[in-house]
Amino acid sequence: MKNRNPIESFNNAFQGIWYTIVNERNMKIHLVIGTIVIFLSLWVRVSKIEFTILCLTIAMVICFELINTAVEVVVNIIVDVYHPKAKIIKDVSAGAVFVSAIFSIVIGVLILWDKVIHKLTILLA
């Protein structure tokens, strides 16, 4: 199971990311919204600090989604029938993704809202 070299490590990591993108609907949603936020940030020309904060929040949500997927797969391997504690584990893991997504929305709105509204008023004037 141990990776023999760094290239194998990177390959395994990319396979895990790809698995999550292909199999998890919410990851697709996070990636689409993250991409929109990046393009909006470039369009309204946020500062470097603001852009960094937005990128970190996007990365945080994506990382939590990856961890959530790993937790769900592990639970599914260990428990093959419904178990209330397995449900709690999965729910708590999903809750971590949810909390990170909510805070990223708040941060995105705080940074982008005024700038997007200002840009739109200029375009529509």
N, C-alpha and C. Protein backbone atom coordinates (compact mmCIF):
# COMPACT_ATOMS: atom_id res chain seq x y z
N MET A 1 0.80 -1.20 0.00
CA MET A 1 0.00 0.00 0.00
C MET A 1 0.84 1.27 0.00
N LYS A 2 2.08 1.16 0.46
CA LYS A 2 2.93 2.35 0.53
C LYS A 2 3.34 2.77 -0.88
N ASN A 3 3.29 4.08 -1.13
CA ASN A 3 3.71 4.61 -2.42
C ASN A 3 5.22 4.48 -2.57
N ARG A 4 5.66 4.09 -3.74
CA ARG A 4 7.08 3.87 -3.97
C ARG A 4 7.83 5.16 -4.30
N ASN A 5 7.12 6.13 -4.85
CA ASN A 5 7.78 7.39 -5.23
C ASN A 5 6.75 8.52 -5.23
N PRO A 6 7.23 9.76 -5.31
CA PRO A 6 6.30 10.90 -5.27
C PRO A 6 5.29 10.91 -6.41
N ILE A 7 5.69 10.46 -7.59
CA ILE A 7 4.76 10.45 -8.72
C ILE A 7 3.58 9.53 -8.42
N GLU A 8 3.86 8.38 -7.83
CA GLU A 8 2.79 7.45 -7.45
C GLU A 8 1.87 8.09 -6.40
N SER A 9 2.46 8.83 -5.46
CA SER A 9 1.66 9.52 -4.44
C SER A 9 0.73 10.54 -5.08
N PHE A 10 1.28 11.34 -6.01
CA PHE A 10 0.44 12.34 -6.69
C PHE A 10 -0.65 11.65 -7.51
N ASN A 11 -0.30 10.57 -8.18
CA ASN A 11 -1.28 9.84 -8.98
C ASN A 11 -2.42 9.33 -8.11
N ASN A 12 -2.09 8.76 -6.96
CA ASN A 12 -3.13 8.27 -6.05
C ASN A 12 -4.01 9.40 -5.54
N ALA A 13 -3.40 10.54 -5.24
CA ALA A 13 -4.17 11.70 -4.78
C ALA A 13 -5.13 12.17 -5.87
N PHE A 14 -4.64 12.26 -7.09
CA PHE A 14 -5.50 12.69 -8.20
C PHE A 14 -6.62 11.69 -8.46
N GLN A 15 -6.34 10.39 -8.28
CA GLN A 15 -7.39 9.39 -8.43
C GLN A 15 -8.48 9.58 -7.38
N GLY A 16 -8.08 9.92 -6.15
CA GLY A 16 -9.06 10.19 -5.10
C GLY A 16 -9.90 11.41 -5.40
N ILE A 17 -9.25 12.45 -5.89
CA ILE A 17 -9.98 13.67 -6.26
C ILE A 17 -10.94 13.36 -7.40
N TRP A 18 -10.44 12.64 -8.42
CA TRP A 18 -11.28 12.31 -9.58
C TRP A 18 -12.46 11.44 -9.16
N TYR A 19 -12.22 10.47 -8.28
CA TYR A 19 -13.31 9.62 -7.78
C TYR A 19 -14.41 10.49 -7.18
N THR A 20 -14.02 11.46 -6.36
CA THR A 20 -15.00 12.30 -5.69
C THR A 20 -15.74 13.18 -6.70
N ILE A 21 -15.02 13.73 -7.67
CA ILE A 21 -15.67 14.56 -8.70
C ILE A 21 -16.70 13.74 -9.47
N VAL A 22 -16.32 12.54 -9.86
CA VAL A 22 -17.20 11.70 -10.69
C VAL A 22 -18.40 11.18 -9.89
N ASN A 23 -18.19 10.83 -8.62
CA ASN A 23 -19.21 10.11 -7.86
C ASN A 23 -20.03 10.96 -6.89
N GLU A 24 -19.59 12.15 -6.60
CA GLU A 24 -20.29 12.97 -5.60
C GLU A 24 -20.89 14.22 -6.25
N ARG A 25 -22.21 14.26 -6.28
CA ARG A 25 -22.93 15.39 -6.87
C ARG A 25 -22.54 16.70 -6.21
N ASN A 26 -22.41 16.69 -4.88
CA ASN A 26 -22.10 17.92 -4.17
C ASN A 26 -20.71 18.45 -4.53
N MET A 27 -19.77 17.58 -4.83
CA MET A 27 -18.45 18.04 -5.25
C MET A 27 -18.57 18.80 -6.57
N LYS A 28 -19.39 18.29 -7.47
CA LYS A 28 -19.60 18.99 -8.74
C LYS A 28 -20.18 20.38 -8.48
N ILE A 29 -21.14 20.46 -7.57
CA ILE A 29 -21.74 21.75 -7.22
C ILE A 29 -20.69 22.69 -6.63
N HIS A 30 -19.88 22.19 -5.70
CA HIS A 30 -18.83 23.02 -5.09
C HIS A 30 -17.86 23.53 -6.15
N LEU A 31 -17.48 22.68 -7.09
CA LEU A 31 -16.53 23.08 -8.12
C LEU A 31 -17.12 24.13 -9.06
N VAL A 32 -18.38 23.96 -9.44
CA VAL A 32 -19.03 24.95 -10.32
C VAL A 32 -19.13 26.30 -9.61
N ILE A 33 -19.62 26.28 -8.38
CA ILE A 33 -19.76 27.54 -7.65
C ILE A 33 -18.38 28.16 -7.38
N GLY A 34 -17.40 27.35 -7.03
CA GLY A 34 -16.05 27.86 -6.82
C GLY A 34 -15.49 28.52 -8.08
N THR A 35 -15.73 27.90 -9.22
CA THR A 35 -15.27 28.46 -10.50
C THR A 35 -15.97 29.79 -10.78
N ILE A 36 -17.27 29.85 -10.53
CA ILE A 36 -18.01 31.11 -10.72
C ILE A 36 -17.45 32.21 -9.82
N VAL A 37 -17.17 31.87 -8.56
CA VAL A 37 -16.61 32.84 -7.62
C VAL A 37 -15.25 33.34 -8.09
N ILE A 38 -14.42 32.43 -8.59
CA ILE A 38 -13.10 32.84 -9.10
C ILE A 38 -13.26 33.82 -10.26
N PHE A 39 -14.13 33.49 -11.22
CA PHE A 39 -14.34 34.38 -12.36
C PHE A 39 -14.95 35.72 -11.94
N LEU A 40 -15.92 35.68 -11.02
CA LEU A 40 -16.47 36.93 -10.50
C LEU A 40 -15.40 37.78 -9.83
N SER A 41 -14.53 37.14 -9.07
CA SER A 41 -13.44 37.84 -8.38
C SER A 41 -12.52 38.53 -9.37
N LEU A 42 -12.21 37.85 -10.45
CA LEU A 42 -11.36 38.44 -11.48
C LEU A 42 -12.09 39.58 -12.20
N TRP A 43 -13.37 39.40 -12.44
CA TRP A 43 -14.18 40.40 -13.15
C TRP A 43 -14.27 41.71 -12.36
N VAL A 44 -14.49 41.60 -11.06
CA VAL A 44 -14.63 42.81 -10.24
C VAL A 44 -13.29 43.28 -9.67
N ARG A 45 -12.23 42.55 -9.95
CA ARG A 45 -10.86 42.92 -9.55
C ARG A 45 -10.73 43.09 -8.03
N VAL A 46 -10.98 41.99 -7.33
CA VAL A 46 -10.78 42.02 -5.88
C VAL A 46 -9.29 42.17 -5.58
N SER A 47 -8.97 42.59 -4.38
CA SER A 47 -7.57 42.73 -3.98
C SER A 47 -6.93 41.34 -3.85
N LYS A 48 -5.61 41.32 -3.76
CA LYS A 48 -4.90 40.04 -3.60
C LYS A 48 -5.30 39.35 -2.31
N ILE A 49 -5.46 40.12 -1.26
CA ILE A 49 -5.87 39.54 0.04
C ILE A 49 -7.27 38.94 -0.08
N GLU A 50 -8.19 39.67 -0.68
CA GLU A 50 -9.56 39.17 -0.85
C GLU A 50 -9.57 37.91 -1.72
N PHE A 51 -8.78 37.93 -2.79
CA PHE A 51 -8.71 36.76 -3.68
C PHE A 51 -8.15 35.56 -2.92
N THR A 52 -7.14 35.80 -2.11
CA THR A 52 -6.55 34.72 -1.31
C THR A 52 -7.58 34.14 -0.35
N ILE A 53 -8.33 35.01 0.31
CA ILE A 53 -9.36 34.55 1.25
C ILE A 53 -10.41 33.73 0.52
N LEU A 54 -10.84 34.19 -0.65
CA LEU A 54 -11.85 33.44 -1.41
C LEU A 54 -11.29 32.08 -1.85
N CYS A 55 -10.06 32.05 -2.31
CA CYS A 55 -9.45 30.77 -2.72
C CYS A 55 -9.33 29.81 -1.54
N LEU A 56 -8.95 30.34 -0.39
CA LEU A 56 -8.85 29.49 0.80
C LEU A 56 -10.21 28.92 1.22
N THR A 57 -11.25 29.73 1.12
CA THR A 57 -12.58 29.22 1.50
C THR A 57 -13.06 28.17 0.51
N ILE A 58 -12.78 28.38 -0.77
CA ILE A 58 -13.14 27.37 -1.77
C ILE A 58 -12.39 26.08 -1.50
N ALA A 59 -11.08 26.20 -1.25
CA ALA A 59 -10.26 25.02 -0.96
C ALA A 59 -10.75 24.30 0.29
N MET A 60 -11.17 25.07 1.30
CA MET A 60 -11.66 24.48 2.54
C MET A 60 -12.90 23.61 2.28
N VAL A 61 -13.82 24.13 1.50
CA VAL A 61 -15.04 23.37 1.20
C VAL A 61 -14.70 22.11 0.41
N ILE A 62 -13.84 22.24 -0.57
CA ILE A 62 -13.47 21.09 -1.39
C ILE A 62 -12.74 20.04 -0.54
N CYS A 63 -11.86 20.48 0.35
CA CYS A 63 -11.16 19.53 1.23
C CYS A 63 -12.14 18.81 2.15
N PHE A 64 -13.09 19.55 2.71
CA PHE A 64 -14.08 18.90 3.58
C PHE A 64 -14.93 17.90 2.78
N GLU A 65 -15.24 18.22 1.54
CA GLU A 65 -16.01 17.28 0.71
C GLU A 65 -15.19 16.02 0.44
N LEU A 66 -13.90 16.17 0.19
CA LEU A 66 -13.04 15.00 0.00
C LEU A 66 -12.99 14.14 1.26
N ILE A 67 -12.83 14.79 2.41
CA ILE A 67 -12.79 14.04 3.69
C ILE A 67 -14.14 13.37 3.94
N ASN A 68 -15.22 14.07 3.66
CA ASN A 68 -16.56 13.50 3.84
C ASN A 68 -16.74 12.25 2.98
N THR A 69 -16.27 12.31 1.74
CA THR A 69 -16.38 11.15 0.86
C THR A 69 -15.57 9.98 1.42
N ALA A 70 -14.36 10.26 1.90
CA ALA A 70 -13.53 9.20 2.48
C ALA A 70 -14.20 8.58 3.71
N VAL A 71 -14.78 9.41 4.57
CA VAL A 71 -15.47 8.91 5.77
C VAL A 71 -16.64 8.02 5.36
N GLU A 72 -17.42 8.47 4.39
CA GLU A 72 -18.57 7.67 3.94
C GLU A 72 -18.14 6.32 3.39
N VAL A 73 -17.07 6.30 2.62
CA VAL A 73 -16.58 5.04 2.05
C VAL A 73 -16.10 4.11 3.16
N VAL A 74 -15.38 4.63 4.12
CA VAL A 74 -14.90 3.81 5.25
C VAL A 74 -16.08 3.23 6.03
N VAL A 75 -17.06 4.06 6.33
CA VAL A 75 -18.23 3.58 7.07
C VAL A 75 -18.95 2.50 6.27
N ASN A 76 -19.08 2.69 4.96
CA ASN A 76 -19.75 1.70 4.12
C ASN A 76 -18.98 0.37 4.08
N ILE A 77 -17.66 0.43 4.21
CA ILE A 77 -16.86 -0.80 4.24
C ILE A 77 -17.09 -1.54 5.57
N ILE A 78 -17.12 -0.78 6.66
CA ILE A 78 -17.21 -1.38 7.99
C ILE A 78 -18.63 -1.86 8.30
N VAL A 79 -19.62 -1.07 7.91
CA VAL A 79 -21.02 -1.37 8.25
C VAL A 79 -21.78 -1.61 6.95
N ASP A 80 -22.26 -2.82 6.76
CA ASP A 80 -22.97 -3.11 5.52
C ASP A 80 -24.48 -3.09 5.66
N VAL A 81 -24.98 -2.83 6.87
CA VAL A 81 -26.41 -2.66 7.10
C VAL A 81 -26.61 -1.36 7.86
N TYR A 82 -27.85 -0.89 7.91
CA TYR A 82 -28.11 0.36 8.62
C TYR A 82 -27.73 0.23 10.09
N HIS A 83 -27.02 1.22 10.57
CA HIS A 83 -26.68 1.29 11.98
C HIS A 83 -26.78 2.74 12.41
N PRO A 84 -27.48 3.03 13.53
CA PRO A 84 -27.67 4.42 13.93
C PRO A 84 -26.36 5.17 14.18
N LYS A 85 -25.34 4.50 14.68
CA LYS A 85 -24.05 5.18 14.91
C LYS A 85 -23.33 5.46 13.59
N ALA A 86 -23.47 4.57 12.61
CA ALA A 86 -22.90 4.83 11.29
C ALA A 86 -23.57 6.06 10.68
N LYS A 87 -24.88 6.19 10.89
CA LYS A 87 -25.60 7.37 10.40
C LYS A 87 -25.07 8.63 11.06
N ILE A 88 -24.81 8.58 12.35
CA ILE A 88 -24.27 9.74 13.06
C ILE A 88 -22.92 10.14 12.48
N ILE A 89 -22.06 9.15 12.25
CA ILE A 89 -20.74 9.44 11.68
C ILE A 89 -20.88 10.14 10.33
N LYS A 90 -21.73 9.61 9.48
CA LYS A 90 -21.93 10.20 8.15
C LYS A 90 -22.55 11.59 8.27
N ASP A 91 -23.52 11.75 9.16
CA ASP A 91 -24.18 13.05 9.33
C ASP A 91 -23.22 14.12 9.85
N VAL A 92 -22.38 13.74 10.80
CA VAL A 92 -21.41 14.70 11.34
C VAL A 92 -20.41 15.11 10.26
N SER A 93 -19.96 14.14 9.48
CA SER A 93 -19.03 14.44 8.39
C SER A 93 -19.68 15.37 7.36
N ALA A 94 -20.92 15.09 7.01
CA ALA A 94 -21.65 15.96 6.09
C ALA A 94 -21.87 17.33 6.72
N GLY A 95 -22.09 17.37 8.02
CA GLY A 95 -22.26 18.64 8.72
C GLY A 95 -21.03 19.52 8.63
N ALA A 96 -19.84 18.92 8.66
CA ALA A 96 -18.60 19.69 8.51
C ALA A 96 -18.56 20.36 7.14
N VAL A 97 -18.96 19.64 6.11
CA VAL A 97 -19.02 20.22 4.77
C VAL A 97 -20.03 21.37 4.75
N PHE A 98 -21.18 21.14 5.35
CA PHE A 98 -22.24 22.14 5.36
C PHE A 98 -21.79 23.43 6.05
N VAL A 99 -21.17 23.29 7.22
CA VAL A 99 -20.70 24.47 7.97
C VAL A 99 -19.67 25.23 7.14
N SER A 100 -18.72 24.50 6.54
CA SER A 100 -17.70 25.18 5.73
C SER A 100 -18.34 25.88 4.53
N ALA A 101 -19.34 25.26 3.92
CA ALA A 101 -20.02 25.86 2.76
C ALA A 101 -20.79 27.12 3.17
N ILE A 102 -21.47 27.08 4.31
CA ILE A 102 -22.22 28.25 4.78
C ILE A 102 -21.26 29.41 5.04
N PHE A 103 -20.16 29.15 5.74
CA PHE A 103 -19.21 30.22 6.02
C PHE A 103 -18.55 30.73 4.76
N SER A 104 -18.32 29.86 3.79
CA SER A 104 -17.73 30.33 2.54
C SER A 104 -18.71 31.23 1.78
N ILE A 105 -20.00 30.92 1.87
CA ILE A 105 -21.01 31.79 1.25
C ILE A 105 -21.00 33.16 1.92
N VAL A 106 -20.97 33.17 3.24
CA VAL A 106 -20.94 34.43 3.98
C VAL A 106 -19.70 35.25 3.58
N ILE A 107 -18.55 34.60 3.54
CA ILE A 107 -17.32 35.29 3.17
C ILE A 107 -17.40 35.81 1.73
N GLY A 108 -17.90 34.97 0.83
CA GLY A 108 -18.05 35.39 -0.56
C GLY A 108 -18.96 36.59 -0.71
N VAL A 109 -20.08 36.58 0.01
CA VAL A 109 -21.01 37.71 -0.06
C VAL A 109 -20.36 38.97 0.51
N LEU A 110 -19.68 38.84 1.65
CA LEU A 110 -19.03 40.00 2.26
C LEU A 110 -17.99 40.62 1.34
N ILE A 111 -17.26 39.79 0.62
CA ILE A 111 -16.20 40.31 -0.26
C ILE A 111 -16.75 40.77 -1.60
N LEU A 112 -17.68 40.03 -2.18
CA LEU A 112 -18.09 40.27 -3.57
C LEU A 112 -19.34 41.13 -3.76
N TRP A 113 -20.26 41.10 -2.82
CA TRP A 113 -21.57 41.70 -3.05
C TRP A 113 -21.50 43.15 -3.55
N ASP A 114 -20.86 44.02 -2.78
CA ASP A 114 -20.80 45.44 -3.16
C ASP A 114 -20.09 45.63 -4.48
N LYS A 115 -19.01 44.88 -4.70
CA LYS A 115 -18.24 45.03 -5.93
C LYS A 115 -19.04 44.58 -7.16
N VAL A 116 -19.77 43.48 -7.03
CA VAL A 116 -20.59 43.00 -8.15
C VAL A 116 -21.73 43.98 -8.43
N ILE A 117 -22.39 44.46 -7.39
CA ILE A 117 -23.49 45.42 -7.57
C ILE A 117 -22.96 46.68 -8.24
N HIS A 118 -21.81 47.18 -7.79
CA HIS A 118 -21.21 48.38 -8.38
C HIS A 118 -20.89 48.15 -9.86
N LYS A 119 -20.29 47.01 -10.17
CA LYS A 119 -19.93 46.69 -11.57
C LYS A 119 -21.19 46.59 -12.43
N LEU A 120 -22.23 45.98 -11.90
CA LEU A 120 -23.48 45.84 -12.67
C LEU A 120 -24.15 47.19 -12.90
N THR A 121 -24.11 48.08 -11.91
CA THR A 121 -24.73 49.41 -12.08
C THR A 121 -23.97 50.20 -13.15
N ILE A 122 -22.66 50.02 -13.23
CA ILE A 122 -21.88 50.70 -14.26
C ILE A 122 -22.25 50.16 -15.65
N LEU A 123 -22.36 48.82 -15.73
CA LEU A 123 -22.71 48.20 -17.01
C LEU A 123 -24.11 48.56 -17.48
N LEU A 124 -25.05 48.67 -16.55
CA LEU A 124 -26.44 48.90 -16.90
C LEU A 124 -26.79 50.39 -17.02
N ALA A 125 -25.85 51.25 -16.65
CA ALA A 125 -26.13 52.70 -16.71
C ALA A 125 -25.98 53.26 -18.09
